Amino acid sequence: GVKWAAAGRSEERVKAALTSVGLVGVDVVVADCGDEESMLTMCARADVVINCTGPFRFYGEPVVKACIAQATHYVDITGEPEFMERMELEHDEAARDARVH
């Protein structure tokens, strides 16, 4: 099976959000885009990170960088073309070197 976790700045708020949609027993990871160490720790635990935190132009790049640093694949739900283009321009080579997508 697939093992997954939900992450956010507040363990209590993440658990409350999970519970509100009927998900109990899901692992919670405390991670904050403004805390590089927490991002690296989160990404080290994962094979893939699915980022749903926006606006991505403010909060997305730290997740991209941490994923590359930990050789973790990255997916997001952004619809922000400028963010997507900038991430590709600035981080494509490092992501390829880390063999992540």
N, C-alpha and C. Protein backbone atom coordinates (compact mmCIF):
# COMPACT_ATOMS: atom_id res chain seq x y z
N GLY A 1 0.80 -1.18 0.00
CA GLY A 1 0.00 0.00 0.00
C GLY A 1 0.85 1.26 0.00
N VAL A 2 0.19 2.34 -0.15
CA VAL A 2 0.84 3.64 -0.16
C VAL A 2 0.76 4.24 1.24
N LYS A 3 1.90 4.66 1.77
CA LYS A 3 1.92 5.34 3.06
C LYS A 3 2.05 6.83 2.77
N TRP A 4 1.21 7.62 3.44
CA TRP A 4 1.25 9.06 3.20
C TRP A 4 1.05 9.80 4.50
N ALA A 5 1.40 11.08 4.47
CA ALA A 5 1.25 11.95 5.63
C ALA A 5 0.79 13.31 5.14
N ALA A 6 0.24 14.09 6.06
CA ALA A 6 -0.14 15.47 5.77
C ALA A 6 0.80 16.38 6.56
N ALA A 7 1.18 17.48 5.96
CA ALA A 7 2.13 18.39 6.61
C ALA A 7 1.55 19.79 6.69
N GLY A 8 2.03 20.54 7.67
CA GLY A 8 1.65 21.93 7.83
C GLY A 8 2.39 22.53 9.00
N ARG A 9 2.18 23.82 9.22
CA ARG A 9 2.88 24.53 10.29
C ARG A 9 2.38 24.14 11.67
N SER A 10 1.12 23.75 11.77
CA SER A 10 0.51 23.46 13.07
C SER A 10 -0.03 22.04 13.07
N GLU A 11 0.50 21.20 13.93
CA GLU A 11 0.02 19.82 14.02
C GLU A 11 -1.46 19.78 14.36
N GLU A 12 -1.88 20.64 15.27
CA GLU A 12 -3.28 20.65 15.68
C GLU A 12 -4.20 21.01 14.53
N ARG A 13 -3.83 22.02 13.75
CA ARG A 13 -4.68 22.45 12.63
C ARG A 13 -4.72 21.40 11.52
N VAL A 14 -3.59 20.75 11.27
CA VAL A 14 -3.58 19.69 10.25
C VAL A 14 -4.47 18.54 10.69
N LYS A 15 -4.34 18.13 11.97
CA LYS A 15 -5.19 17.04 12.48
C LYS A 15 -6.67 17.42 12.42
N ALA A 16 -6.99 18.66 12.75
CA ALA A 16 -8.38 19.12 12.69
C ALA A 16 -8.90 19.07 11.26
N ALA A 17 -8.09 19.49 10.30
CA ALA A 17 -8.51 19.45 8.90
C ALA A 17 -8.74 18.01 8.44
N LEU A 18 -7.84 17.12 8.82
CA LEU A 18 -7.99 15.71 8.45
C LEU A 18 -9.26 15.12 9.07
N THR A 19 -9.46 15.39 10.34
CA THR A 19 -10.63 14.87 11.04
C THR A 19 -11.92 15.40 10.42
N SER A 20 -11.90 16.65 9.99
CA SER A 20 -13.12 17.26 9.42
C SER A 20 -13.58 16.57 8.13
N VAL A 21 -12.67 15.86 7.48
CA VAL A 21 -13.05 15.13 6.27
C VAL A 21 -13.02 13.61 6.50
N GLY A 22 -13.01 13.22 7.78
CA GLY A 22 -13.12 11.81 8.11
C GLY A 22 -11.84 11.01 8.05
N LEU A 23 -10.70 11.67 8.02
CA LEU A 23 -9.42 10.97 7.98
C LEU A 23 -8.78 10.98 9.37
N VAL A 24 -8.67 9.81 9.95
CA VAL A 24 -8.05 9.69 11.27
C VAL A 24 -6.89 8.71 11.16
N GLY A 25 -5.91 8.88 12.02
CA GLY A 25 -4.76 7.98 12.01
C GLY A 25 -3.73 8.30 10.95
N VAL A 26 -3.87 9.44 10.30
CA VAL A 26 -2.91 9.85 9.27
C VAL A 26 -1.72 10.50 9.97
N ASP A 27 -0.52 10.14 9.58
CA ASP A 27 0.67 10.78 10.14
C ASP A 27 0.67 12.26 9.79
N VAL A 28 1.12 13.07 10.73
CA VAL A 28 1.24 14.52 10.52
C VAL A 28 2.69 14.92 10.68
N VAL A 29 3.18 15.71 9.73
CA VAL A 29 4.54 16.24 9.76
C VAL A 29 4.44 17.74 9.93
N VAL A 30 5.14 18.27 10.92
CA VAL A 30 5.16 19.72 11.12
C VAL A 30 6.29 20.28 10.27
N ALA A 31 5.92 21.15 9.34
CA ALA A 31 6.89 21.77 8.44
C ALA A 31 6.40 23.17 8.08
N ASP A 32 7.34 24.09 7.98
CA ASP A 32 7.02 25.49 7.71
C ASP A 32 7.93 25.97 6.59
N CYS A 33 7.34 26.57 5.56
CA CYS A 33 8.13 27.07 4.42
C CYS A 33 9.19 28.07 4.84
N GLY A 34 9.00 28.72 5.98
CA GLY A 34 9.98 29.68 6.48
C GLY A 34 11.06 29.05 7.33
N ASP A 35 11.03 27.74 7.51
CA ASP A 35 12.00 27.01 8.33
C ASP A 35 12.66 25.94 7.47
N GLU A 36 13.81 26.28 6.91
CA GLU A 36 14.48 25.39 5.96
C GLU A 36 14.73 24.01 6.55
N GLU A 37 15.15 23.93 7.80
CA GLU A 37 15.44 22.63 8.41
C GLU A 37 14.20 21.76 8.46
N SER A 38 13.04 22.35 8.79
CA SER A 38 11.81 21.55 8.83
C SER A 38 11.43 21.07 7.44
N MET A 39 11.70 21.88 6.43
CA MET A 39 11.40 21.46 5.06
C MET A 39 12.30 20.31 4.63
N LEU A 40 13.58 20.41 4.96
CA LEU A 40 14.52 19.34 4.62
C LEU A 40 14.15 18.04 5.32
N THR A 41 13.77 18.15 6.59
CA THR A 41 13.37 16.96 7.35
C THR A 41 12.13 16.32 6.74
N MET A 42 11.14 17.14 6.38
CA MET A 42 9.93 16.62 5.76
C MET A 42 10.26 15.90 4.45
N CYS A 43 11.05 16.55 3.61
CA CYS A 43 11.35 15.97 2.30
C CYS A 43 12.19 14.70 2.41
N ALA A 44 13.02 14.62 3.43
CA ALA A 44 13.84 13.42 3.63
C ALA A 44 12.97 12.20 3.94
N ARG A 45 11.79 12.42 4.46
CA ARG A 45 10.87 11.32 4.82
C ARG A 45 10.03 10.84 3.65
N ALA A 46 10.09 11.54 2.52
CA ALA A 46 9.15 11.26 1.43
C ALA A 46 9.85 10.87 0.14
N ASP A 47 9.15 10.08 -0.65
CA ASP A 47 9.59 9.82 -2.02
C ASP A 47 9.03 10.89 -2.96
N VAL A 48 7.83 11.38 -2.63
CA VAL A 48 7.15 12.40 -3.42
C VAL A 48 6.49 13.38 -2.46
N VAL A 49 6.60 14.68 -2.76
CA VAL A 49 5.86 15.70 -2.03
C VAL A 49 4.83 16.30 -2.99
N ILE A 50 3.59 16.36 -2.54
CA ILE A 50 2.53 17.01 -3.31
C ILE A 50 2.21 18.30 -2.56
N ASN A 51 2.59 19.42 -3.15
CA ASN A 51 2.46 20.72 -2.49
C ASN A 51 1.14 21.38 -2.89
N CYS A 52 0.34 21.71 -1.86
CA CYS A 52 -0.96 22.36 -2.09
C CYS A 52 -1.02 23.72 -1.41
N THR A 53 0.12 24.27 -1.04
CA THR A 53 0.17 25.54 -0.31
C THR A 53 0.45 26.68 -1.26
N GLY A 54 -0.41 27.65 -1.27
CA GLY A 54 -0.19 28.81 -2.12
C GLY A 54 -0.47 30.09 -1.36
N PRO A 55 -0.29 31.22 -1.95
CA PRO A 55 0.17 31.37 -3.33
C PRO A 55 1.62 30.88 -3.48
N PHE A 56 1.83 30.14 -4.54
CA PHE A 56 3.11 29.49 -4.77
C PHE A 56 4.24 30.49 -4.96
N ARG A 57 3.94 31.66 -5.50
CA ARG A 57 5.01 32.66 -5.68
C ARG A 57 5.60 33.08 -4.35
N PHE A 58 4.85 32.90 -3.24
CA PHE A 58 5.35 33.23 -1.91
C PHE A 58 5.86 32.01 -1.16
N TYR A 59 5.21 30.86 -1.32
CA TYR A 59 5.49 29.70 -0.47
C TYR A 59 6.01 28.47 -1.21
N GLY A 60 6.08 28.52 -2.52
CA GLY A 60 6.43 27.32 -3.27
C GLY A 60 7.91 27.01 -3.37
N GLU A 61 8.74 28.02 -3.57
CA GLU A 61 10.15 27.76 -3.83
C GLU A 61 10.88 27.03 -2.71
N PRO A 62 10.63 27.35 -1.44
CA PRO A 62 11.32 26.59 -0.39
C PRO A 62 11.02 25.09 -0.45
N VAL A 63 9.83 24.73 -0.88
CA VAL A 63 9.48 23.31 -1.00
C VAL A 63 10.24 22.70 -2.18
N VAL A 64 10.28 23.39 -3.29
CA VAL A 64 11.03 22.91 -4.46
C VAL A 64 12.49 22.70 -4.09
N LYS A 65 13.10 23.68 -3.44
CA LYS A 65 14.52 23.59 -3.08
C LYS A 65 14.79 22.43 -2.12
N ALA A 66 13.92 22.26 -1.13
CA ALA A 66 14.10 21.17 -0.16
C ALA A 66 13.94 19.82 -0.85
N CYS A 67 12.99 19.71 -1.76
CA CYS A 67 12.82 18.45 -2.50
C CYS A 67 14.07 18.12 -3.30
N ILE A 68 14.61 19.08 -3.98
CA ILE A 68 15.83 18.84 -4.76
C ILE A 68 16.98 18.44 -3.83
N ALA A 69 17.13 19.14 -2.73
CA ALA A 69 18.21 18.86 -1.79
C ALA A 69 18.12 17.44 -1.22
N GLN A 70 16.91 16.93 -1.09
CA GLN A 70 16.71 15.60 -0.51
C GLN A 70 16.40 14.54 -1.56
N ALA A 71 16.52 14.89 -2.84
CA ALA A 71 16.24 13.97 -3.95
C ALA A 71 14.84 13.38 -3.84
N THR A 72 13.87 14.27 -3.58
CA THR A 72 12.46 13.90 -3.45
C THR A 72 11.69 14.48 -4.63
N HIS A 73 10.87 13.67 -5.26
CA HIS A 73 10.07 14.16 -6.38
C HIS A 73 9.06 15.19 -5.89
N TYR A 74 8.70 16.14 -6.76
CA TYR A 74 7.84 17.26 -6.41
C TYR A 74 6.69 17.39 -7.39
N VAL A 75 5.49 17.57 -6.85
CA VAL A 75 4.28 17.84 -7.64
C VAL A 75 3.53 18.94 -6.91
N ASP A 76 2.89 19.83 -7.65
CA ASP A 76 2.05 20.82 -6.99
C ASP A 76 0.77 21.06 -7.79
N ILE A 77 -0.09 21.88 -7.21
CA ILE A 77 -1.38 22.17 -7.83
C ILE A 77 -1.45 23.59 -8.37
N THR A 78 -0.30 24.23 -8.53
CA THR A 78 -0.30 25.63 -8.92
C THR A 78 -0.90 25.85 -10.30
N GLY A 79 -1.47 27.02 -10.44
CA GLY A 79 -1.93 27.50 -11.73
C GLY A 79 -1.25 28.82 -12.04
N GLU A 80 -0.10 29.05 -11.40
CA GLU A 80 0.63 30.31 -11.53
C GLU A 80 1.75 30.15 -12.56
N PRO A 81 1.53 30.59 -13.80
CA PRO A 81 2.52 30.38 -14.85
C PRO A 81 3.89 30.98 -14.52
N GLU A 82 3.91 32.14 -13.88
CA GLU A 82 5.19 32.77 -13.56
C GLU A 82 5.99 31.90 -12.61
N PHE A 83 5.32 31.31 -11.62
CA PHE A 83 6.00 30.43 -10.67
C PHE A 83 6.56 29.21 -11.39
N MET A 84 5.75 28.59 -12.21
CA MET A 84 6.20 27.39 -12.93
C MET A 84 7.41 27.69 -13.81
N GLU A 85 7.34 28.79 -14.55
CA GLU A 85 8.44 29.14 -15.44
C GLU A 85 9.71 29.47 -14.66
N ARG A 86 9.56 30.22 -13.55
CA ARG A 86 10.73 30.58 -12.75
C ARG A 86 11.37 29.36 -12.12
N MET A 87 10.56 28.42 -11.62
CA MET A 87 11.12 27.22 -11.00
C MET A 87 11.87 26.40 -12.03
N GLU A 88 11.33 26.30 -13.23
CA GLU A 88 12.02 25.55 -14.27
C GLU A 88 13.33 26.23 -14.65
N LEU A 89 13.29 27.54 -14.84
CA LEU A 89 14.51 28.27 -15.21
C LEU A 89 15.58 28.20 -14.13
N GLU A 90 15.17 28.33 -12.87
CA GLU A 90 16.14 28.42 -11.78
C GLU A 90 16.56 27.07 -11.20
N HIS A 91 15.72 26.04 -11.34
CA HIS A 91 16.00 24.80 -10.62
C HIS A 91 16.03 23.55 -11.48
N ASP A 92 15.81 23.67 -12.78
CA ASP A 92 15.76 22.49 -13.63
C ASP A 92 17.07 21.71 -13.61
N GLU A 93 18.18 22.39 -13.74
CA GLU A 93 19.47 21.69 -13.78
C GLU A 93 19.74 20.95 -12.48
N ALA A 94 19.49 21.59 -11.35
CA ALA A 94 19.70 20.94 -10.05
C ALA A 94 18.77 19.74 -9.88
N ALA A 95 17.52 19.88 -10.34
CA ALA A 95 16.58 18.76 -10.24
C ALA A 95 17.03 17.59 -11.12
N ARG A 96 17.51 17.90 -12.30
CA ARG A 96 18.01 16.82 -13.17
C ARG A 96 19.23 16.15 -12.54
N ASP A 97 20.12 16.94 -11.96
CA ASP A 97 21.30 16.37 -11.30
C ASP A 97 20.90 15.48 -10.13
N ALA A 98 19.83 15.85 -9.43
CA ALA A 98 19.34 15.05 -8.30
C ALA A 98 18.45 13.90 -8.76
N ARG A 99 18.18 13.87 -10.06
CA ARG A 99 17.36 12.81 -10.69
C ARG A 99 15.93 12.80 -10.14
N VAL A 100 15.40 14.01 -9.96
CA VAL A 100 14.01 14.15 -9.51
C VAL A 100 13.22 14.96 -10.53
N HIS A 101 11.92 14.80 -10.48
CA HIS A 101 11.03 15.51 -11.40
C HIS A 101 10.13 16.42 -10.61
